[in-house]
N, C-alpha and C. Protein backbone atom coordinates (compact mmCIF):
# COMPACT_ATOMS: atom_id res chain seq x y z
N GLN A 1 10.99 50.46 36.80
CA GLN A 1 12.03 51.25 36.74
C GLN A 1 12.77 50.89 38.12
N ASP A 2 12.30 50.84 39.10
CA ASP A 2 12.68 50.32 40.32
C ASP A 2 12.59 48.85 40.68
N TYR A 3 12.49 48.20 39.72
CA TYR A 3 12.50 46.59 39.98
C TYR A 3 13.58 46.12 40.57
N ALA A 4 13.06 45.03 41.34
CA ALA A 4 14.37 44.09 42.23
C ALA A 4 13.74 42.88 41.95
N LEU A 5 14.60 42.01 41.51
CA LEU A 5 14.25 40.54 41.48
C LEU A 5 14.79 39.58 42.65
N ARG A 6 13.83 39.18 43.53
CA ARG A 6 14.38 38.54 44.68
C ARG A 6 13.58 37.18 44.65
N PRO A 7 14.24 36.16 45.05
CA PRO A 7 15.93 36.33 45.04
C PRO A 7 16.43 36.61 43.89
N SER A 8 17.45 37.28 44.15
CA SER A 8 18.31 37.47 42.81
C SER A 8 18.54 36.52 41.91
N SER A 9 18.76 36.80 40.56
CA SER A 9 18.99 35.60 39.74
C SER A 9 20.39 35.35 39.33
N LEU A 10 21.04 34.39 39.25
CA LEU A 10 22.35 34.32 38.90
C LEU A 10 22.54 34.68 37.52
N TYR A 11 21.59 34.68 36.80
CA TYR A 11 21.76 34.60 35.09
C TYR A 11 21.31 35.88 34.59
N ARG A 12 20.34 36.80 35.16
CA ARG A 12 19.93 37.77 34.48
C ARG A 12 19.49 38.78 35.49
N SER A 13 19.54 40.05 35.12
CA SER A 13 18.97 41.25 36.17
C SER A 13 17.57 41.16 36.29
N ARG A 14 16.90 40.66 35.33
CA ARG A 14 15.60 40.84 35.28
C ARG A 14 14.89 39.73 34.27
N PRO A 15 13.75 39.17 34.75
CA PRO A 15 12.83 38.18 33.89
C PRO A 15 12.81 38.72 32.41
N VAL A 16 13.10 37.76 31.37
CA VAL A 16 12.80 37.90 29.91
C VAL A 16 11.31 38.45 29.87
N ILE A 17 10.99 39.53 29.01
CA ILE A 17 9.63 39.96 28.86
C ILE A 17 9.20 39.24 27.53
N TYR A 18 8.26 38.42 27.48
CA TYR A 18 7.84 37.84 26.42
C TYR A 18 6.39 38.63 26.04
N VAL A 19 5.87 39.21 24.96
CA VAL A 19 5.13 39.98 24.72
C VAL A 19 4.32 39.06 23.26
N GLY A 20 2.96 38.96 23.27
CA GLY A 20 2.18 38.40 22.28
C GLY A 20 1.06 39.35 21.91
N GLY A 21 0.89 39.41 20.50
CA GLY A 21 -0.15 40.21 20.04
C GLY A 21 0.36 40.82 18.88
N GLU A 22 -0.42 41.17 17.88
CA GLU A 22 0.10 41.56 16.52
C GLU A 22 -0.75 42.90 16.25
N SER A 23 -1.46 43.27 17.23
CA SER A 23 -2.26 44.88 17.18
C SER A 23 -0.85 45.85 16.71
N GLU A 24 -1.04 47.06 16.47
CA GLU A 24 -0.05 48.21 16.45
C GLU A 24 0.45 48.25 17.86
N PRO A 25 -0.28 48.52 18.72
CA PRO A 25 -0.02 48.57 20.20
C PRO A 25 0.74 47.72 20.68
N ALA A 26 0.58 46.40 20.23
CA ALA A 26 1.45 45.18 20.71
C ALA A 26 2.86 45.45 20.05
N ARG A 27 2.64 45.67 18.84
CA ARG A 27 4.04 45.82 18.09
C ARG A 27 4.78 46.98 18.71
N ALA A 28 4.20 48.15 19.15
CA ALA A 28 4.93 48.89 19.64
C ALA A 28 5.60 48.66 21.08
N LEU A 29 4.73 47.99 21.83
CA LEU A 29 4.95 47.71 23.27
C LEU A 29 6.51 46.86 23.00
N VAL A 30 6.34 45.80 22.25
CA VAL A 30 7.44 44.70 22.26
C VAL A 30 8.79 45.40 21.77
N ALA A 31 8.51 46.40 20.76
CA ALA A 31 9.69 46.87 20.42
C ALA A 31 10.28 47.95 21.36
N ASP A 32 9.39 48.47 22.04
CA ASP A 32 9.88 49.30 23.09
C ASP A 32 10.53 48.58 24.26
N HIS A 33 9.68 47.53 24.78
CA HIS A 33 10.12 46.97 26.20
C HIS A 33 10.39 45.54 26.14
N GLY A 34 9.81 44.81 25.05
CA GLY A 34 10.10 43.39 25.03
C GLY A 34 11.30 42.66 24.97
N ASP A 35 11.59 41.51 24.92
CA ASP A 35 12.53 40.97 24.81
C ASP A 35 12.24 39.78 23.52
N VAL A 36 11.07 39.16 23.63
CA VAL A 36 10.89 38.24 22.61
C VAL A 36 9.47 38.64 22.23
N TRP A 37 9.00 38.60 21.12
CA TRP A 37 7.67 38.64 20.46
C TRP A 37 7.18 37.44 19.82
N PHE A 38 6.08 36.98 20.67
CA PHE A 38 5.76 35.78 20.14
C PHE A 38 4.85 36.05 19.22
N ILE A 39 4.49 35.22 17.91
CA ILE A 39 4.01 35.52 16.72
C ILE A 39 2.90 34.45 16.77
N ASN A 40 1.27 34.53 16.51
CA ASN A 40 0.49 33.65 16.42
C ASN A 40 1.18 32.64 15.07
N GLY A 41 0.46 31.40 15.07
CA GLY A 41 1.02 30.45 13.86
C GLY A 41 0.14 31.09 12.72
N GLN A 42 1.09 31.18 11.69
CA GLN A 42 0.39 31.77 10.50
C GLN A 42 1.60 31.50 9.14
N PRO A 43 1.01 31.32 7.95
CA PRO A 43 2.07 31.05 7.14
C PRO A 43 3.33 31.74 7.09
N LEU A 44 4.64 31.25 6.65
CA LEU A 44 5.93 31.79 6.66
C LEU A 44 5.80 33.09 6.18
N ASP A 45 5.28 33.36 4.96
CA ASP A 45 5.58 34.65 4.48
C ASP A 45 4.71 35.89 5.36
N ASP A 46 3.71 35.48 6.03
CA ASP A 46 3.19 36.40 6.66
C ASP A 46 3.88 36.73 8.10
N VAL A 47 4.73 35.67 8.63
CA VAL A 47 5.29 35.63 9.84
C VAL A 47 6.76 36.46 9.46
N ALA A 48 7.38 36.33 8.19
CA ALA A 48 8.42 37.01 7.73
C ALA A 48 8.25 38.39 7.75
N GLY A 49 6.79 38.82 7.25
CA GLY A 49 6.53 40.31 7.19
C GLY A 49 6.38 40.96 8.55
N LEU A 50 5.95 40.12 9.45
CA LEU A 50 5.57 40.66 10.74
C LEU A 50 6.86 40.96 11.58
N ILE A 51 7.84 39.95 11.22
CA ILE A 51 9.18 40.20 11.74
C ILE A 51 9.99 41.26 11.19
N ALA A 52 9.72 41.42 9.87
CA ALA A 52 10.49 42.71 9.14
C ALA A 52 9.96 43.80 9.84
N ASP A 53 8.64 44.06 9.96
CA ASP A 53 8.05 45.29 10.54
C ASP A 53 8.49 45.49 11.96
N VAL A 54 8.47 44.68 12.95
CA VAL A 54 8.95 45.07 13.99
C VAL A 54 10.44 45.16 14.28
N ALA A 55 11.06 44.21 13.35
CA ALA A 55 12.68 44.48 13.60
C ALA A 55 13.03 45.72 13.29
N SER A 56 12.24 46.32 12.07
CA SER A 56 12.75 47.70 11.55
C SER A 56 12.77 49.04 12.62
N ARG A 57 12.09 48.63 13.62
CA ARG A 57 11.47 49.53 14.43
C ARG A 57 12.75 50.05 15.36
N SER A 58 12.94 51.10 15.87
CA SER A 58 14.08 51.82 16.45
C SER A 58 13.90 50.92 18.07
N ARG A 59 14.88 50.96 18.46
CA ARG A 59 14.92 50.11 20.07
C ARG A 59 16.18 50.09 20.65
N ALA A 60 15.93 50.46 21.92
CA ALA A 60 17.30 50.59 22.89
C ALA A 60 17.73 49.00 23.27
N GLY A 61 18.83 48.80 23.41
CA GLY A 61 19.12 47.63 24.04
C GLY A 61 19.46 46.42 23.24
N ALA A 62 19.20 45.22 23.78
CA ALA A 62 19.51 43.99 22.66
C ALA A 62 18.56 43.66 21.71
N PRO A 63 19.05 43.23 20.66
CA PRO A 63 18.08 42.91 19.47
C PRO A 63 17.04 42.05 19.96
N LEU A 64 15.52 42.41 19.32
CA LEU A 64 14.45 41.77 19.59
C LEU A 64 14.31 40.18 19.35
N ARG A 65 14.13 39.39 19.95
CA ARG A 65 14.00 37.83 19.54
C ARG A 65 12.91 37.39 19.10
N PHE A 66 12.41 36.59 18.26
CA PHE A 66 11.06 36.14 17.89
C PHE A 66 10.69 34.66 18.32
N GLY A 67 9.71 34.27 18.43
CA GLY A 67 8.91 32.85 18.76
C GLY A 67 7.75 32.93 17.90
N LEU A 68 7.17 31.54 17.87
CA LEU A 68 5.94 31.22 17.01
C LEU A 68 5.04 30.31 17.99
N SER A 69 4.05 30.50 17.77
CA SER A 69 2.93 29.56 18.39
C SER A 69 2.51 28.62 17.10
N ALA A 70 2.59 27.21 17.31
CA ALA A 70 2.13 26.49 16.32
C ALA A 70 1.77 25.16 16.85
N PHE A 71 0.81 24.37 15.99
CA PHE A 71 0.24 23.00 16.22
C PHE A 71 0.79 22.15 15.44
N VAL A 72 1.49 21.21 15.72
CA VAL A 72 2.13 20.05 15.11
C VAL A 72 1.19 19.03 14.89
N VAL A 73 1.25 18.42 13.50
CA VAL A 73 0.76 17.15 13.09
C VAL A 73 1.66 16.39 12.00
N ALA A 74 2.80 15.81 12.63
CA ALA A 74 3.82 15.15 11.60
C ALA A 74 3.56 13.65 11.94
N ARG A 75 3.79 13.06 10.68
CA ARG A 75 3.69 11.57 10.50
C ARG A 75 4.57 10.99 9.29
N GLU A 76 4.65 9.76 9.28
CA GLU A 76 5.80 9.22 8.13
C GLU A 76 5.49 9.77 6.90
N THR A 77 4.28 9.85 6.22
CA THR A 77 3.92 10.68 4.85
C THR A 77 3.18 11.64 5.40
N GLN A 78 2.97 12.28 4.05
CA GLN A 78 2.17 13.80 4.00
C GLN A 78 0.66 13.17 4.23
N ALA A 79 0.29 12.19 3.29
CA ALA A 79 -0.99 11.70 3.62
C ALA A 79 -1.56 11.46 4.90
N GLU A 80 -0.51 10.68 5.69
CA GLU A 80 -1.00 10.12 6.79
C GLU A 80 -1.22 11.47 7.68
N ALA A 81 -0.39 12.64 7.52
CA ALA A 81 -0.34 13.86 8.42
C ALA A 81 -1.74 14.61 8.09
N GLN A 82 -2.15 14.35 6.93
CA GLN A 82 -3.28 15.17 6.44
C GLN A 82 -4.51 14.47 7.04
N ALA A 83 -4.57 13.20 6.95
CA ALA A 83 -5.64 12.36 7.44
C ALA A 83 -5.67 12.66 8.80
N ALA A 84 -4.43 12.58 9.47
CA ALA A 84 -4.77 13.02 11.09
C ALA A 84 -5.22 14.37 11.28
N TYR A 85 -4.73 15.31 10.51
CA TYR A 85 -5.31 16.75 10.57
C TYR A 85 -6.90 16.72 10.20
N GLU A 86 -7.21 16.17 9.29
CA GLU A 86 -8.64 16.02 9.00
C GLU A 86 -9.61 15.39 10.19
N ARG A 87 -9.08 14.60 11.08
CA ARG A 87 -9.70 13.96 12.06
C ARG A 87 -9.66 14.97 13.06
N LEU A 88 -8.68 15.75 13.24
CA LEU A 88 -8.72 16.73 14.48
C LEU A 88 -9.46 17.95 14.14
N LEU A 89 -9.33 18.31 13.07
CA LEU A 89 -10.41 19.37 12.45
C LEU A 89 -11.95 18.88 12.62
N ALA A 90 -12.03 17.73 12.28
CA ALA A 90 -13.71 17.28 12.52
C ALA A 90 -13.99 17.03 14.22
N LEU A 91 -13.01 16.76 14.90
CA LEU A 91 -13.22 16.87 16.42
C LEU A 91 -13.30 18.27 16.92
N SER A 92 -12.64 19.31 16.26
CA SER A 92 -12.68 20.55 16.82
C SER A 92 -14.15 21.35 16.42
N LYS A 93 -14.75 20.94 15.50
CA LYS A 93 -16.10 21.17 14.79
C LYS A 93 -17.03 21.23 15.94
N LYS A 94 -16.87 20.19 17.03
CA LYS A 94 -17.72 19.95 18.09
C LYS A 94 -17.82 21.22 19.08
N ASP A 95 -16.66 22.20 18.67
CA ASP A 95 -16.70 23.33 19.50
C ASP A 95 -17.42 24.43 18.88
N ALA A 96 -18.06 24.62 17.67
CA ALA A 96 -18.78 25.37 17.23
C ALA A 96 -19.54 26.03 18.01
N PRO A 97 -20.38 25.73 18.86
CA PRO A 97 -21.09 26.62 19.56
C PRO A 97 -20.31 27.43 20.50
N ILE A 98 -19.34 26.89 21.22
CA ILE A 98 -18.45 27.68 21.93
C ILE A 98 -17.76 28.81 21.21
N LYS A 99 -17.56 28.62 19.99
CA LYS A 99 -16.69 29.40 18.93
C LYS A 99 -17.52 30.28 18.67
N ALA A 100 -19.04 30.41 18.52
CA ALA A 100 -19.87 31.12 18.12
C ALA A 100 -20.21 32.27 19.09
N ILE A 101 -20.17 31.66 20.50
CA ILE A 101 -20.42 32.61 21.68
C ILE A 101 -19.19 33.60 21.51
N GLN A 102 -17.93 33.14 21.45
CA GLN A 102 -16.81 33.88 21.59
C GLN A 102 -16.59 34.82 20.39
N LYS A 103 -17.01 34.47 19.36
CA LYS A 103 -17.09 35.47 18.26
C LYS A 103 -18.15 36.73 18.40
N GLN A 104 -19.25 36.16 18.99
CA GLN A 104 -20.44 37.38 19.37
C GLN A 104 -19.75 38.17 20.50
N ASN A 105 -19.01 37.94 21.35
CA ASN A 105 -18.55 38.45 22.44
C ASN A 105 -16.78 39.32 22.15
N THR A 106 -16.48 38.99 21.01
CA THR A 106 -15.22 39.51 20.72
C THR A 106 -15.17 40.82 19.82
N ASP A 107 -14.67 41.90 19.92
CA ASP A 107 -14.57 42.95 18.94
C ASP A 107 -13.99 42.41 17.55
N PRO A 108 -14.63 42.61 16.36
CA PRO A 108 -14.05 42.03 15.12
C PRO A 108 -12.92 42.75 14.67
N LYS A 109 -12.52 43.91 15.27
CA LYS A 109 -11.54 44.67 15.05
C LYS A 109 -10.14 44.17 15.80
N VAL A 110 -10.23 43.03 16.52
CA VAL A 110 -9.19 42.27 17.19
C VAL A 110 -8.30 41.79 16.03
N VAL A 111 -7.14 42.03 16.18
CA VAL A 111 -6.04 41.44 15.03
C VAL A 111 -6.24 39.94 14.94
N MET A 112 -5.81 39.38 16.09
CA MET A 112 -6.01 37.95 16.14
C MET A 112 -7.20 37.08 15.63
N MET A 113 -8.27 38.05 15.88
CA MET A 113 -9.45 37.15 15.44
C MET A 113 -9.76 37.34 13.76
N GLN A 114 -9.38 38.65 13.45
CA GLN A 114 -9.05 38.72 11.80
C GLN A 114 -8.39 37.36 11.28
N THR A 115 -6.93 37.49 11.79
CA THR A 115 -6.39 36.35 11.43
C THR A 115 -6.81 35.00 11.21
N MET A 116 -7.63 34.57 12.51
CA MET A 116 -7.99 33.43 12.61
C MET A 116 -9.08 33.13 11.74
N GLN A 117 -9.82 34.09 10.95
CA GLN A 117 -10.73 33.80 10.02
C GLN A 117 -10.44 33.57 8.56
N LYS A 118 -9.00 33.69 8.56
CA LYS A 118 -8.68 33.35 7.19
C LYS A 118 -8.52 31.91 6.70
N SER A 119 -8.43 31.03 7.78
CA SER A 119 -8.41 29.65 7.17
C SER A 119 -8.87 28.46 8.47
N ALA A 120 -9.27 27.50 8.04
CA ALA A 120 -9.84 26.68 9.02
C ALA A 120 -8.50 26.03 9.85
N ARG A 121 -8.46 25.96 11.12
CA ARG A 121 -7.25 25.51 11.77
C ARG A 121 -7.70 24.55 13.16
N VAL A 122 -6.59 23.84 13.33
CA VAL A 122 -6.59 23.26 14.66
C VAL A 122 -5.68 23.73 15.61
N GLY A 123 -6.13 24.06 16.86
CA GLY A 123 -5.27 24.56 17.98
C GLY A 123 -5.61 25.94 18.14
N SER A 124 -4.75 26.38 19.06
CA SER A 124 -5.01 27.91 19.65
C SER A 124 -4.02 28.75 19.09
N ASN A 125 -4.17 29.91 19.14
CA ASN A 125 -2.90 31.13 18.91
C ASN A 125 -2.59 30.72 17.36
N GLY A 126 -3.47 30.31 16.58
CA GLY A 126 -2.65 30.13 15.13
C GLY A 126 -2.74 28.80 14.64
N GLY A 127 -2.41 27.93 15.75
CA GLY A 127 -2.58 26.32 15.46
C GLY A 127 -1.88 26.13 13.96
N THR A 128 -2.55 25.27 13.30
CA THR A 128 -1.92 24.62 12.29
C THR A 128 -1.87 25.74 11.13
N ALA A 129 -2.19 26.77 11.23
CA ALA A 129 -2.08 27.92 10.22
C ALA A 129 -0.54 28.23 9.80
N ALA A 130 0.33 27.85 10.69
CA ALA A 130 1.92 27.69 10.49
C ALA A 130 2.38 26.76 9.66
N GLY A 131 1.61 25.71 9.35
CA GLY A 131 1.88 25.00 8.24
C GLY A 131 2.84 23.65 8.78
N LEU A 132 2.75 23.17 10.23
CA LEU A 132 3.49 22.30 10.54
C LEU A 132 2.70 21.11 10.45
N VAL A 133 2.05 20.67 9.54
CA VAL A 133 1.37 19.55 9.08
C VAL A 133 2.05 18.94 7.77
N GLY A 134 2.56 17.61 8.23
CA GLY A 134 3.11 17.03 7.15
C GLY A 134 4.08 15.90 7.51
N SER A 135 4.68 15.50 6.53
CA SER A 135 5.77 14.20 6.76
C SER A 135 6.74 14.74 7.97
N TYR A 136 7.57 13.90 8.40
CA TYR A 136 8.55 14.53 9.52
C TYR A 136 9.52 15.30 8.73
N GLU A 137 10.13 14.87 7.58
CA GLU A 137 10.87 15.87 6.81
C GLU A 137 10.32 17.22 6.51
N GLU A 138 8.91 17.40 6.17
CA GLU A 138 8.31 18.36 5.67
C GLU A 138 8.24 19.45 6.81
N VAL A 139 7.77 18.90 8.03
CA VAL A 139 7.54 19.58 9.31
C VAL A 139 9.01 20.02 9.90
N ALA A 140 10.23 19.28 9.79
CA ALA A 140 11.46 19.82 10.16
C ALA A 140 11.99 20.94 9.21
N THR A 141 11.75 20.60 7.83
CA THR A 141 12.14 21.66 6.77
C THR A 141 11.43 22.96 7.23
N ARG A 142 10.08 22.83 7.35
CA ARG A 142 9.34 24.23 7.63
C ARG A 142 9.89 24.90 8.97
N ILE A 143 10.33 24.03 9.95
CA ILE A 143 10.68 24.69 11.35
C ILE A 143 12.17 25.47 10.80
N LYS A 144 12.90 24.75 9.99
CA LYS A 144 14.20 25.40 9.42
C LYS A 144 13.86 26.75 8.76
N ALA A 145 12.68 26.65 7.92
CA ALA A 145 12.48 27.88 7.18
C ALA A 145 12.13 29.09 8.14
N PHE A 146 11.51 28.66 9.35
CA PHE A 146 10.94 29.57 9.97
C PHE A 146 12.00 30.32 10.86
N HIS A 147 13.05 29.36 11.08
CA HIS A 147 14.11 29.82 11.77
C HIS A 147 14.81 30.52 10.95
N ALA A 148 15.12 30.36 9.63
CA ALA A 148 15.90 31.14 8.90
C ALA A 148 15.18 32.63 8.68
N ALA A 149 13.89 32.80 9.02
CA ALA A 149 13.22 33.93 9.04
C ALA A 149 13.11 34.85 10.05
N GLY A 150 13.90 34.10 11.19
CA GLY A 150 14.02 34.85 12.54
C GLY A 150 13.27 34.36 13.65
N ILE A 151 12.73 33.05 13.44
CA ILE A 151 11.94 32.52 14.50
C ILE A 151 13.11 31.66 15.32
N GLU A 152 13.37 31.70 16.49
CA GLU A 152 14.26 30.98 17.48
C GLU A 152 13.62 30.46 18.44
N LEU A 153 12.34 30.56 18.72
CA LEU A 153 11.71 29.90 19.90
C LEU A 153 10.35 29.24 19.34
N PHE A 154 10.13 27.92 19.42
CA PHE A 154 8.66 27.59 19.23
C PHE A 154 8.20 27.04 20.55
N MET A 155 6.73 27.53 20.31
CA MET A 155 5.80 26.89 21.55
C MET A 155 4.70 25.94 21.00
N LEU A 156 5.05 24.68 20.82
CA LEU A 156 4.24 23.89 20.20
C LEU A 156 2.97 23.24 20.53
N GLN A 157 2.24 22.94 20.11
CA GLN A 157 0.85 22.11 20.69
C GLN A 157 0.88 20.78 20.13
N PHE A 158 0.25 19.98 20.67
CA PHE A 158 0.08 18.44 20.27
C PHE A 158 -1.26 17.91 20.73
N GLN A 159 -1.75 16.88 19.98
CA GLN A 159 -2.97 16.35 20.35
C GLN A 159 -2.89 14.74 19.95
N PRO A 160 -3.10 13.80 20.68
CA PRO A 160 -2.97 13.75 22.20
C PRO A 160 -1.45 14.10 22.57
N PHE A 161 -1.35 15.09 23.56
CA PHE A 161 -0.10 15.75 24.08
C PHE A 161 1.02 14.83 24.15
N GLU A 162 0.94 13.71 25.08
CA GLU A 162 2.08 13.14 25.19
C GLU A 162 2.62 12.22 24.19
N ALA A 163 1.69 11.48 23.73
CA ALA A 163 2.16 10.46 22.38
C ALA A 163 2.66 11.39 21.36
N GLU A 164 2.09 12.50 21.08
CA GLU A 164 2.74 13.56 19.69
C GLU A 164 3.96 14.06 19.98
N MET A 165 3.89 14.63 21.40
CA MET A 165 5.22 15.27 21.64
C MET A 165 6.25 13.98 21.86
N GLU A 166 6.13 13.08 22.10
CA GLU A 166 7.27 11.94 21.80
C GLU A 166 7.22 11.66 20.60
N ARG A 167 6.33 11.81 19.72
CA ARG A 167 6.60 11.34 18.38
C ARG A 167 7.71 12.49 17.77
N PHE A 168 7.09 13.81 18.17
CA PHE A 168 7.79 15.00 17.48
C PHE A 168 9.56 14.73 18.09
N ALA A 169 9.61 14.53 19.30
CA ALA A 169 10.93 14.17 19.80
C ALA A 169 11.71 13.43 19.00
N ARG A 170 11.08 12.03 18.69
CA ARG A 170 11.86 10.99 17.97
C ARG A 170 11.92 10.93 16.71
N GLU A 171 11.00 11.77 15.93
CA GLU A 171 11.14 11.78 14.51
C GLU A 171 11.68 13.24 13.82
N VAL A 172 11.33 14.34 14.55
CA VAL A 172 11.38 15.53 13.93
C VAL A 172 12.68 16.30 14.56
N ILE A 173 12.71 16.25 15.70
CA ILE A 173 14.03 16.93 16.46
C ILE A 173 15.49 16.47 15.74
N PRO A 174 15.36 15.33 15.53
CA PRO A 174 16.89 14.90 15.32
C PRO A 174 16.81 15.39 13.84
N ARG A 175 16.00 15.53 12.79
CA ARG A 175 16.07 16.21 11.63
C ARG A 175 16.45 17.54 11.56
N VAL A 176 15.84 18.34 12.66
CA VAL A 176 16.23 19.90 12.70
C VAL A 176 17.62 19.92 13.29
N ARG A 177 18.12 18.84 14.22
CA ARG A 177 19.27 19.01 14.81
C ARG A 177 20.52 18.92 13.82
N GLU A 178 19.99 18.11 12.49
CA GLU A 178 21.12 17.90 11.75
C GLU A 178 21.60 19.15 10.89
N TRP A 179 20.70 20.36 11.06
CA TRP A 179 21.13 21.46 10.54
C TRP A 179 21.98 22.40 11.29
N ALA A 180 22.93 23.05 11.06
CA ALA A 180 23.63 24.19 11.56
C ALA A 180 23.60 25.45 10.88
N PRO A 181 23.72 26.47 11.62
CA PRO A 181 24.00 26.48 13.02
C PRO A 181 22.60 26.55 13.71
N VAL A 182 22.82 26.09 15.22
CA VAL A 182 21.66 26.00 15.99
C VAL A 182 21.37 27.16 16.80
N ALA A 183 22.06 28.24 16.55
CA ALA A 183 21.93 29.64 17.38
C ALA A 183 21.61 30.84 16.29
N THR A 184 20.93 31.66 16.73
CA THR A 184 20.70 32.89 15.87
C THR A 184 21.15 34.23 16.83
N ALA A 185 21.83 35.21 16.18
CA ALA A 185 22.47 36.20 16.99
C ALA A 185 22.91 35.70 18.49
N GLY A 186 23.55 34.98 18.34
CA GLY A 186 24.27 34.32 19.94
C GLY A 186 23.25 33.81 20.82
N ALA A 187 22.25 33.61 20.46
CA ALA A 187 21.11 32.86 21.29
C ALA A 187 20.63 31.73 20.84
N PRO A 188 20.47 30.78 22.04
CA PRO A 188 19.99 29.08 21.55
C PRO A 188 18.81 29.15 20.91
N ALA A 189 18.58 28.38 19.78
CA ALA A 189 17.28 27.97 19.60
C ALA A 189 16.46 27.01 20.56
N HIS A 190 15.22 27.21 20.61
CA HIS A 190 14.45 26.52 21.82
C HIS A 190 13.22 25.92 21.10
N ALA A 191 12.93 24.94 21.67
CA ALA A 191 11.45 24.24 21.47
C ALA A 191 10.49 24.05 22.68
N VAL A 192 9.56 24.80 23.02
CA VAL A 192 8.77 24.36 24.27
C VAL A 192 7.52 24.24 23.86
N ALA A 193 7.03 23.08 24.41
CA ALA A 193 5.82 22.49 24.30
C ALA A 193 4.85 22.89 25.43
N ARG A 194 3.49 22.77 25.00
CA ARG A 194 2.44 23.18 25.94
C ARG A 194 1.22 22.23 25.46
């Protein structure tokens, strides 16, 4: 309530508040106090349902914005992307002992853990469950579909990071940019890699 940003920002009176988590307390928190809700990578229909739920809640101030975490495997053809995904999935199985320890030490009621158990995936925070595995055109089309559902900010993962990020920038981003409009509710669409 008595927050003061120093040095003061030329662009906003306070930092943008990003909230992650899909539990009921997290949904209530973001509806009451957040600016952007980050959703773990999941199929489009699941993400659309989550957005509908939180967007329907009463809220003071600006409309809530939505982001999605996802792991990208994009290639010239769907078959090439699937082969690359299978290779990454095989590599991720080397983490099985660590994942078993995490599972033992995590409350099974945690929403994220329940969601992660639904399917095999590569990456964190939902990773490839968002379905951004496919040909360049398929991945661009899926990004457009998520955007149409309300996602305007993507936090994307790649492996190996630099080479795959460059591939995404060269092959997928131009396909996404072909579509208009590029903004939702007056706010620009973004892509953030990590």
